[in-house]
């Protein structure tokens, strides 16, 4: 689905009243959710006394309560009540070979048993993993491993400022670049500014410039107005658009950012935590044929194994990470580049290439996108639709991410539409379908016809709960 069609169809949904499930039907679905998830509820009630909010994970569906998972294999997951799910969360995108992929797990178990998990010193797997990343990513000549995508984003900003000698960083509204103080701004919905900034000082945003997505004039103005005022060090970009393509990029957007960075001497930073090794083995930079100066990588480089992140880029730019006291930027992390994470990176990337994992996951996503759109077309009054960037799928039911914040009832609209989307997800979870935040689906190479048919059955059931007319 092309960029303009996505925008048009979002607006069509927003022009209509929200299609809620009638309360009488919804109450039955909530009751089913409680009955089939008694053990998860028990764990949640106990966790509330020990864990703030009772849950650690931002990706969890928390209404009416989060599900506690027990195990996963291939594209399936089972919770502690032994309910089975077709999984499209995929741990938030890193799983593309499939859960518990034995050829990968066997390598990691071998390392744990024979070598131990970490020493705090260098291992050969650092070199092997770096070689694999450099081999695939056009814009990466050197790599520095970290422990998360958030850390990698922090490091990229520090590298850019040190290399350019400038201070300002442009962030595109609605994008996610981790949860460091300076990046928690205009999260999720463009224009929301410091809405999520409780506990963060206003000074943290002193050198941050928030630019609306696909606003070419505002982007150029941000460069022009900050020439000689600390200057623009870098532009942080999710290359398929904010929130992994929830706010899709105009076809010329990335190219224009590249051109402006070149003109003003700023660095282009591609945040490829989701797109790297999922959109393409060479990331979005290869997919779009646009080479960034710095690339941020996260959880996918260890295929779900913990303590995974990296920043890479041109040698001259990355050189600020080396040198003596006072010459290099400071980056730390005792468990960064530990043998488990770097071995997982090395073996996972080789296995992904060997099994053509990205193309297989993409082919399935293309089929499922077409099938869901055909199903949704049977209920034209709803306007639901699906689009995908390869194995990254978005389904739009209430379009709460697309609400114009300048409208008189914008926040009421967002909350009402978000609540309805959450209600839909209670139903789909109760029927054994696990997605991300009621809007997104990630596919792996092991999703098959059975998964596709089961997915369509669940959505057909959901549609049956929404009144016609």
Protein backbone atom coordinates (compact mmCIF):
# COMPACT_ATOMS: atom_id res chain seq x y z
CA UNK A 1 0.00 0.00 0.00
CA UNK A 2 1.42 3.35 -1.06
CA UNK A 3 2.07 6.30 1.26
CA UNK A 4 -0.81 8.48 0.06
CA UNK A 5 -3.34 5.66 0.27
CA UNK A 6 -2.33 4.98 3.89
CA UNK A 7 -2.92 8.64 4.77
CA UNK A 8 -6.24 8.72 2.92
CA UNK A 9 -7.55 5.57 4.57
CA UNK A 10 -6.52 6.83 8.01
CA UNK A 11 -8.56 9.96 7.40
CA UNK A 12 -11.54 7.92 6.22
CA UNK A 13 -11.58 6.05 9.53
CA UNK A 14 -11.22 9.28 11.48
CA UNK A 15 -14.18 10.77 9.60
CA UNK A 16 -16.46 8.06 11.00
CA UNK A 17 -17.68 7.38 14.53
CA UNK A 18 -15.71 4.75 16.42
CA UNK A 19 -17.18 1.27 15.90
CA UNK A 20 -17.19 -0.10 19.43
CA UNK A 21 -18.17 -3.60 20.47
CA UNK A 22 -21.51 -3.40 22.34
CA UNK A 23 -20.95 -3.52 26.10
CA UNK A 24 -23.06 -6.69 26.52
CA UNK A 25 -20.86 -8.58 24.07
CA UNK A 26 -17.68 -7.04 25.40
CA UNK A 27 -18.55 -8.11 28.94
CA UNK A 28 -18.74 -11.73 27.77
CA UNK A 29 -15.31 -11.41 26.14
CA UNK A 30 -13.82 -9.94 29.32
CA UNK A 31 -15.36 -12.78 31.29
CA UNK A 32 -13.78 -15.30 28.90
CA UNK A 33 -10.44 -13.52 29.29
CA UNK A 34 -10.64 -13.86 33.07
CA UNK A 35 -11.76 -17.50 33.00
CA UNK A 36 -9.05 -18.70 30.63
CA UNK A 37 -6.26 -16.73 32.35
CA UNK A 38 -6.73 -17.43 36.06
CA UNK A 39 -3.06 -18.20 36.70
CA UNK A 40 -1.93 -15.03 34.88
CA UNK A 41 -4.32 -12.99 37.04
CA UNK A 42 -2.96 -14.63 40.20
CA UNK A 43 0.60 -13.76 39.21
CA UNK A 44 -0.41 -10.19 38.37
CA UNK A 45 -2.15 -9.67 41.73
CA UNK A 46 0.96 -10.83 43.59
CA UNK A 47 3.31 -8.86 41.33
CA UNK A 48 1.53 -5.59 42.11
CA UNK A 49 2.98 -5.77 45.62
CA UNK A 50 6.55 -6.14 44.35
CA UNK A 51 6.68 -4.54 40.89
CA UNK A 52 5.33 -1.04 40.17
CA UNK A 53 2.12 -1.52 38.22
CA UNK A 54 2.55 -5.28 38.42
CA UNK A 55 4.28 -5.61 35.06
CA UNK A 56 7.71 -4.80 33.63
CA UNK A 57 7.06 -4.83 29.91
CA UNK A 58 5.82 -1.90 27.83
CA UNK A 59 4.76 -4.36 25.13
CA UNK A 60 2.30 -6.17 27.39
CA UNK A 61 -1.44 -5.88 26.91
CA UNK A 62 -2.34 -4.64 30.38
CA UNK A 63 -6.12 -4.40 30.12
CA UNK A 64 -7.73 -5.99 31.99
CA UNK A 65 -4.43 -7.55 33.14
CA UNK A 66 -1.19 -8.78 31.50
CA UNK A 67 -0.70 -12.39 30.48
CA UNK A 68 2.24 -14.33 31.89
CA UNK A 69 3.87 -16.43 29.19
CA UNK A 70 5.42 -19.81 29.87
CA UNK A 71 7.17 -20.86 26.66
CA UNK A 72 7.44 -20.25 22.93
CA UNK A 73 8.35 -22.35 19.90
CA UNK A 74 8.32 -21.40 16.24
CA UNK A 75 5.46 -18.91 15.83
CA UNK A 76 3.51 -20.21 18.81
CA UNK A 77 3.44 -19.17 22.47
CA UNK A 78 1.81 -20.72 25.52
CA UNK A 79 0.87 -18.87 28.68
CA UNK A 80 0.97 -20.17 32.26
CA UNK A 81 -2.64 -21.36 31.85
CA UNK A 82 -1.48 -23.38 28.80
CA UNK A 83 -3.46 -21.29 26.33
CA UNK A 84 -1.87 -21.31 22.88
CA UNK A 85 -1.27 -18.17 20.79
CA UNK A 86 -0.27 -17.40 17.23
CA UNK A 87 2.46 -14.89 18.01
CA UNK A 88 2.96 -11.74 16.00
CA UNK A 89 4.71 -9.84 18.78
CA UNK A 90 7.93 -11.78 18.18
CA UNK A 91 9.47 -10.27 21.31
CA UNK A 92 8.97 -6.81 19.82
CA UNK A 93 10.56 -7.70 16.42
CA UNK A 94 13.90 -9.52 17.01
CA UNK A 95 12.56 -13.03 16.40
CA UNK A 96 12.63 -13.83 12.69
CA UNK A 97 14.01 -17.39 12.65
CA UNK A 98 11.21 -18.36 15.03
CA UNK A 99 11.16 -18.83 18.78
CA UNK A 100 13.57 -21.36 20.29
CA UNK A 101 15.31 -22.01 16.97
CA UNK A 102 17.36 -25.07 17.84
CA UNK A 103 20.46 -24.48 15.65
CA UNK A 104 20.90 -21.09 17.37
CA UNK A 105 20.01 -22.22 20.89
CA UNK A 106 22.41 -25.14 20.69
CA UNK A 107 25.31 -22.76 20.01
CA UNK A 108 24.42 -20.59 23.00
CA UNK A 109 23.98 -23.56 25.35
CA UNK A 110 27.39 -24.78 24.24
CA UNK A 111 28.97 -21.45 25.14
CA UNK A 112 27.32 -21.37 28.56
CA UNK A 113 28.35 -24.92 29.40
CA UNK A 114 31.88 -24.84 27.99
CA UNK A 115 32.99 -21.22 28.36
CA UNK A 116 30.71 -19.44 30.83
CA UNK A 117 28.42 -16.48 30.16
CA UNK A 118 30.81 -13.55 30.61
CA UNK A 119 34.26 -12.49 31.84
CA UNK A 120 34.07 -8.71 31.51
CA UNK A 121 36.90 -8.94 28.98
CA UNK A 122 37.14 -9.32 25.21
CA UNK A 123 36.11 -12.52 23.44
CA UNK A 124 36.59 -13.60 19.83
CA UNK A 125 32.86 -13.38 19.25
CA UNK A 126 33.07 -9.57 19.38
CA UNK A 127 35.15 -9.67 16.21
CA UNK A 128 33.02 -12.34 14.53
CA UNK A 129 29.77 -10.50 15.27
CA UNK A 130 31.18 -7.15 14.11
CA UNK A 131 32.37 -8.73 10.86
CA UNK A 132 28.88 -10.07 10.15
CA UNK A 133 27.22 -6.70 10.75
CA UNK A 134 29.76 -4.86 8.60
CA UNK A 135 29.35 -7.46 5.84
CA UNK A 136 25.63 -6.76 5.55
CA UNK A 137 25.16 -3.09 6.42
CA UNK A 138 26.28 -0.63 3.68
CA UNK A 139 26.76 2.27 6.11
CA UNK A 140 28.69 0.39 8.79
CA UNK A 141 32.49 0.12 8.78
CA UNK A 142 33.03 -0.12 12.55
CA UNK A 143 30.81 -1.33 15.40
CA UNK A 144 30.56 -0.62 19.12
CA UNK A 145 28.38 -3.07 21.05
CA UNK A 146 26.10 -1.92 23.86
CA UNK A 147 23.37 -3.46 25.98
CA UNK A 148 20.18 -2.11 24.41
CA UNK A 149 18.78 0.02 21.63
CA UNK A 150 18.30 2.85 24.12
CA UNK A 151 22.02 2.83 24.97
CA UNK A 152 22.89 2.65 21.29
CA UNK A 153 20.77 5.74 20.56
CA UNK A 154 22.43 7.58 23.46
CA UNK A 155 25.85 6.65 22.10
CA UNK A 156 24.94 7.72 18.56
CA UNK A 157 23.97 11.20 19.79
CA UNK A 158 27.19 11.50 21.79
CA UNK A 159 29.28 10.35 18.82
CA UNK A 160 27.55 12.83 16.50
CA UNK A 161 28.13 15.75 18.85
CA UNK A 162 31.76 14.83 19.41
CA UNK A 163 32.47 14.36 15.71
CA UNK A 164 30.73 17.50 14.47
CA UNK A 165 31.45 19.75 17.45
CA UNK A 166 27.79 20.76 17.39
CA UNK A 167 24.96 20.35 19.91
CA UNK A 168 21.53 20.31 18.27
CA UNK A 169 19.76 17.07 17.41
CA UNK A 170 16.67 16.88 15.20
CA UNK A 171 14.09 14.28 16.19
CA UNK A 172 11.09 13.46 14.02
CA UNK A 173 7.82 13.64 15.95
CA UNK A 174 6.16 10.33 16.78
CA UNK A 175 9.42 8.41 16.54
CA UNK A 176 10.86 6.19 19.25
CA UNK A 177 14.58 6.24 20.02
CA UNK A 178 14.64 4.64 23.44
CA UNK A 179 13.84 6.12 26.83
CA UNK A 180 16.83 8.31 27.64
CA UNK A 181 15.96 11.79 28.98
CA UNK A 182 16.76 13.62 25.77
CA UNK A 183 14.67 11.32 23.54
CA UNK A 184 11.42 11.06 25.54
CA UNK A 185 9.75 13.78 23.53
CA UNK A 186 6.87 13.60 21.04
CA UNK A 187 6.63 9.88 21.61
CA UNK A 188 4.12 7.76 19.70
CA UNK A 189 1.96 10.68 18.48
CA UNK A 190 3.66 13.63 16.69
CA UNK A 191 3.27 16.94 18.46
CA UNK A 192 2.76 15.60 21.97
CA UNK A 193 6.04 17.19 23.08
CA UNK A 194 6.90 16.58 26.75
CA UNK A 195 3.67 14.70 27.50
CA UNK A 196 5.61 11.66 28.78
CA UNK A 197 8.40 13.62 30.46
CA UNK A 198 7.55 13.32 34.13
CA UNK A 199 10.83 13.06 36.04
CA UNK A 200 12.82 14.62 33.19
CA UNK A 201 14.23 18.13 33.45
CA UNK A 202 13.27 20.66 30.78
CA UNK A 203 16.99 21.29 30.27
CA UNK A 204 17.27 17.79 28.81
CA UNK A 205 15.47 19.09 25.73
CA UNK A 206 17.48 22.29 25.40
CA UNK A 207 19.25 21.06 22.27
CA UNK A 208 16.47 18.89 20.84
CA UNK A 209 14.52 20.09 17.79
CA UNK A 210 11.16 18.40 17.20
CA UNK A 211 10.14 18.29 13.52
CA UNK A 212 6.75 16.90 12.38
CA UNK A 213 7.01 13.82 10.14
CA UNK A 214 7.16 14.49 6.41
CA UNK A 215 7.15 18.28 6.93
CA UNK A 216 9.80 19.27 4.40
CA UNK A 217 9.56 22.99 5.13
CA UNK A 218 9.90 22.54 8.91
CA UNK A 219 12.87 20.26 8.39
CA UNK A 220 14.76 22.75 6.24
CA UNK A 221 13.82 25.58 8.61
CA UNK A 222 15.27 23.62 11.55
CA UNK A 223 18.63 23.47 9.78
CA UNK A 224 18.55 27.12 8.66
CA UNK A 225 17.57 28.56 12.04
CA UNK A 226 20.22 26.62 13.95
CA UNK A 227 23.20 27.43 11.79
CA UNK A 228 25.59 29.27 14.08
CA UNK A 229 23.49 28.53 17.19
CA UNK A 230 25.26 25.38 18.24
CA UNK A 231 24.53 23.86 14.85
CA UNK A 232 22.78 20.59 13.99
CA UNK A 233 24.92 17.60 14.90
CA UNK A 234 22.53 14.89 13.75
CA UNK A 235 19.08 13.93 12.56
CA UNK A 236 17.60 10.84 14.23
CA UNK A 237 15.38 8.86 11.87
CA UNK A 238 13.24 5.75 11.93
CA UNK A 239 13.71 5.08 8.22
CA UNK A 240 10.24 3.63 7.58
CA UNK A 241 8.61 6.26 9.80
CA UNK A 242 7.87 6.77 13.47
CA UNK A 243 6.80 3.83 15.60
CA UNK A 244 8.17 1.37 13.03
CA UNK A 245 6.11 2.80 10.18
CA UNK A 246 2.98 3.77 12.12
CA UNK A 247 3.66 7.26 10.75
CA UNK A 248 4.94 6.16 7.31
CA UNK A 249 7.57 8.17 5.49
CA UNK A 250 6.90 10.15 2.34
CA UNK A 251 8.79 8.48 -0.54
CA UNK A 252 11.23 11.42 -0.74
CA UNK A 253 11.60 12.06 3.01
CA UNK A 254 14.75 10.06 3.77
CA UNK A 255 16.49 11.31 0.63
CA UNK A 256 15.73 14.91 1.54
CA UNK A 257 17.13 14.42 5.05
CA UNK A 258 20.27 12.89 3.56
CA UNK A 259 20.69 15.87 1.21
CA UNK A 260 20.20 18.43 3.98
CA UNK A 261 22.62 16.63 6.29
CA UNK A 262 25.22 16.71 3.54
CA UNK A 263 24.58 20.39 2.83
CA UNK A 264 24.79 21.51 6.47
CA UNK A 265 27.47 19.06 7.62
CA UNK A 266 25.23 17.11 10.01
CA UNK A 267 25.16 13.34 10.49
CA UNK A 268 22.24 11.17 9.42
CA UNK A 269 21.45 8.52 12.03
CA UNK A 270 19.24 5.60 11.02
CA UNK A 271 17.63 3.94 14.03
CA UNK A 272 17.41 0.39 12.70
CA UNK A 273 16.47 -1.34 15.95
CA UNK A 274 13.41 -2.76 14.17
CA UNK A 275 14.30 -2.51 10.48
CA UNK A 276 17.86 -3.85 10.72
CA UNK A 277 17.97 -7.50 9.58
CA UNK A 278 14.16 -7.53 9.38
CA UNK A 279 13.25 -5.22 6.50
CA UNK A 280 16.34 -6.47 4.70
CA UNK A 281 19.57 -8.19 5.73
CA UNK A 282 21.21 -4.86 4.88
CA UNK A 283 18.57 -2.94 6.80
CA UNK A 284 16.45 -0.03 5.62
CA UNK A 285 19.63 1.62 4.34
CA UNK A 286 20.04 -1.08 1.73
CA UNK A 287 16.28 -1.32 1.10
CA UNK A 288 16.03 2.43 0.36
CA UNK A 289 19.59 2.75 -1.03
CA UNK A 290 20.34 5.61 1.34
CA UNK A 291 23.53 5.39 3.40
CA UNK A 292 23.44 6.89 6.90
CA UNK A 293 26.51 8.10 8.76
CA UNK A 294 25.55 6.18 11.90
CA UNK A 295 23.34 3.13 12.38
CA UNK A 296 21.65 2.13 15.63
CA UNK A 297 20.92 -1.55 16.18
CA UNK A 298 19.16 -3.28 19.06
CA UNK A 299 17.53 -6.51 20.12
CA UNK A 300 17.45 -8.18 16.71
CA UNK A 301 21.23 -8.55 16.55
CA UNK A 302 21.04 -11.16 19.32
CA UNK A 303 17.74 -12.64 18.10
CA UNK A 304 16.06 -12.22 21.47
CA UNK A 305 19.02 -13.07 23.68
CA UNK A 306 19.52 -10.31 26.26
CA UNK A 307 21.98 -7.43 26.51
CA UNK A 308 21.92 -6.58 22.82
CA UNK A 309 22.59 -3.27 21.12
CA UNK A 310 25.15 -1.64 18.86
CA UNK A 311 26.03 1.57 17.08
CA UNK A 312 28.01 1.48 13.87
CA UNK A 313 29.07 3.81 11.11
CA UNK A 314 31.87 5.27 9.06
CA UNK A 315 35.37 4.76 10.42
CA UNK A 316 36.12 8.46 10.69
CA UNK A 317 32.92 9.06 12.65
CA UNK A 318 33.33 6.03 14.90
CA UNK A 319 36.94 7.05 15.62
CA UNK A 320 35.71 9.35 18.40
CA UNK A 321 35.09 6.16 20.43
CA UNK A 322 38.83 5.47 20.62
CA UNK A 323 41.89 7.30 21.89
CA UNK A 324 43.35 8.28 25.23
CA UNK A 325 41.98 10.10 28.26
CA UNK A 326 40.02 13.16 27.18
CA UNK A 327 40.28 12.27 23.49
CA UNK A 328 37.49 9.73 23.19
CA UNK A 329 33.86 9.85 24.21
CA UNK A 330 32.90 7.83 27.24
CA UNK A 331 30.80 4.70 26.67
CA UNK A 332 30.43 1.94 29.25
CA UNK A 333 28.67 -1.33 30.00
CA UNK A 334 30.17 -4.28 31.87
CA UNK A 335 28.03 -6.81 30.03
CA UNK A 336 28.15 -5.06 26.66
CA UNK A 337 29.59 -7.38 23.98
CA UNK A 338 29.43 -10.39 26.33
CA UNK A 339 30.05 -13.78 24.67
CA UNK A 340 26.39 -14.85 24.76
CA UNK A 341 25.09 -11.72 23.02
CA UNK A 342 27.85 -11.49 20.44
CA UNK A 343 27.77 -15.22 19.70
CA UNK A 344 24.02 -14.99 19.30
CA UNK A 345 24.57 -12.11 16.88
CA UNK A 346 27.17 -13.99 14.84
CA UNK A 347 25.21 -17.24 14.60
CA UNK A 348 21.78 -15.63 14.19
CA UNK A 349 22.86 -13.47 11.25
CA UNK A 350 24.48 -16.42 9.52
CA UNK A 351 21.41 -18.60 10.11
CA UNK A 352 19.08 -15.85 8.89
CA UNK A 353 21.08 -15.65 5.68
CA UNK A 354 21.29 -19.44 5.32
CA UNK A 355 17.54 -19.91 5.73
CA UNK A 356 16.53 -16.81 3.73
CA UNK A 357 14.57 -15.80 6.83
CA UNK A 358 13.79 -12.21 5.83
CA UNK A 359 12.35 -13.09 2.44
CA UNK A 360 10.30 -15.95 3.89
CA UNK A 361 8.91 -13.70 6.63
CA UNK A 362 8.21 -11.01 4.02
CA UNK A 363 6.37 -13.43 1.72
CA UNK A 364 4.11 -14.51 4.55
CA UNK A 365 3.46 -10.90 5.60
CA UNK A 366 2.51 -10.01 2.01
CA UNK A 367 0.02 -12.91 1.91
CA UNK A 368 -1.48 -12.11 5.30
CA UNK A 369 -1.76 -8.40 4.49
CA UNK A 370 -3.67 -9.16 1.30
CA UNK A 371 -5.91 -11.72 3.03
CA UNK A 372 -6.77 -9.40 5.93
CA UNK A 373 -7.56 -6.55 3.55
CA UNK A 374 -9.87 -8.87 1.59
CA UNK A 375 -11.61 -9.81 4.83
CA UNK A 376 -11.93 -6.19 5.97
CA UNK A 377 -13.36 -5.25 2.56
CA UNK A 378 -16.44 -7.33 3.43
CA UNK A 379 -17.20 -4.69 6.07
CA UNK A 380 -16.69 -1.47 4.14
CA UNK A 381 -18.48 0.56 6.80
CA UNK A 382 -15.57 -0.08 9.18
CA UNK A 383 -12.74 1.06 6.96
CA UNK A 384 -10.20 -1.26 8.63
CA UNK A 385 -7.04 -1.83 6.59
CA UNK A 386 -3.55 -3.35 6.71
CA UNK A 387 -0.25 -2.30 5.19
CA UNK A 388 3.24 -3.69 5.55
CA UNK A 389 6.90 -2.89 5.12
CA UNK A 390 8.10 -6.42 4.46
CA UNK A 391 7.78 -8.47 7.69
CA UNK A 392 6.55 -5.39 9.60
CA UNK A 393 2.75 -5.22 9.46
CA UNK A 394 0.38 -2.50 10.61
CA UNK A 395 -3.35 -2.96 11.00
CA UNK A 396 -5.50 0.14 11.44
CA UNK A 397 -8.90 -0.14 13.11
CA UNK A 398 -9.51 3.14 14.94
CA UNK A 399 -6.60 5.28 13.63
CA UNK A 400 -5.87 6.81 17.04
CA UNK A 401 -2.25 7.42 16.04
CA UNK A 402 -3.44 9.62 13.16
CA UNK A 403 -5.61 12.05 15.15
CA UNK A 404 -4.75 15.69 14.43
CA UNK A 405 -3.64 17.25 17.70
CA UNK A 406 -4.81 20.70 16.59
CA UNK A 407 -8.44 19.54 16.65
CA UNK A 408 -10.68 20.81 19.47
CA UNK A 409 -11.30 17.35 20.94
CA UNK A 410 -8.02 15.70 19.93
CA UNK A 411 -7.14 14.03 23.22
CA UNK A 412 -10.70 12.84 23.78
CA UNK A 413 -10.61 11.34 20.30
CA UNK A 414 -7.28 9.64 20.95
CA UNK A 415 -8.38 8.16 24.26
CA UNK A 416 -11.76 6.99 22.93
CA UNK A 417 -10.22 5.40 19.86
CA UNK A 418 -7.36 3.87 21.86
CA UNK A 419 -9.85 2.34 24.31
CA UNK A 420 -11.81 0.74 21.47
CA UNK A 421 -8.58 -0.64 19.97
CA UNK A 422 -7.71 -2.07 23.40
CA UNK A 423 -11.14 -3.69 23.59
CA UNK A 424 -10.53 -5.28 20.19
CA UNK A 425 -7.24 -6.66 21.50
CA UNK A 426 -8.93 -8.19 24.54
CA UNK A 427 -11.01 -10.17 22.06
CA UNK A 428 -8.14 -11.19 19.79
CA UNK A 429 -5.96 -12.22 22.75
CA UNK A 430 -8.86 -14.16 24.19
CA UNK A 431 -9.10 -15.98 20.88
CA UNK A 432 -5.39 -16.82 20.82
CA UNK A 433 -3.84 -14.06 18.73
CA UNK A 434 -0.91 -12.04 20.13
CA UNK A 435 -0.04 -8.72 18.46
CA UNK A 436 1.70 -5.52 19.53
CA UNK A 437 -0.35 -2.70 21.07
CA UNK A 438 -3.43 -3.46 19.00
CA UNK A 439 -1.78 -2.02 15.90
CA UNK A 440 1.26 -4.00 14.77
CA UNK A 441 2.32 -7.51 13.75
CA UNK A 442 5.79 -8.94 13.12
CA UNK A 443 6.18 -12.12 11.10
CA UNK A 444 8.86 -14.81 11.17
CA UNK A 445 9.96 -17.39 8.64
CA UNK A 446 7.95 -20.13 10.38
CA UNK A 447 4.48 -18.59 10.07
CA UNK A 448 2.54 -20.90 7.75
CA UNK A 449 -0.89 -21.61 6.27
CA UNK A 450 -2.20 -22.82 9.61
CA UNK A 451 -1.13 -19.55 11.25
CA UNK A 452 -2.70 -17.52 8.44
CA UNK A 453 -6.01 -19.38 8.59
CA UNK A 454 -6.18 -19.15 12.36
CA UNK A 455 -5.43 -15.41 12.19
CA UNK A 456 -8.24 -14.81 9.72
CA UNK A 457 -10.66 -16.85 11.87
CA UNK A 458 -9.91 -14.65 14.87
CA UNK A 459 -10.42 -11.44 12.89
CA UNK A 460 -13.62 -12.80 11.36
CA UNK A 461 -14.87 -13.48 14.88
CA UNK A 462 -13.98 -9.95 15.99
CA UNK A 463 -15.85 -8.47 13.02
CA UNK A 464 -18.90 -10.51 13.99
CA UNK A 465 -19.02 -8.68 17.34
CA UNK A 466 -19.18 -5.21 15.74
CA UNK A 467 -22.68 -4.17 14.68
CA UNK A 468 -23.33 -3.49 11.00
CA UNK A 469 -24.52 -0.10 9.92
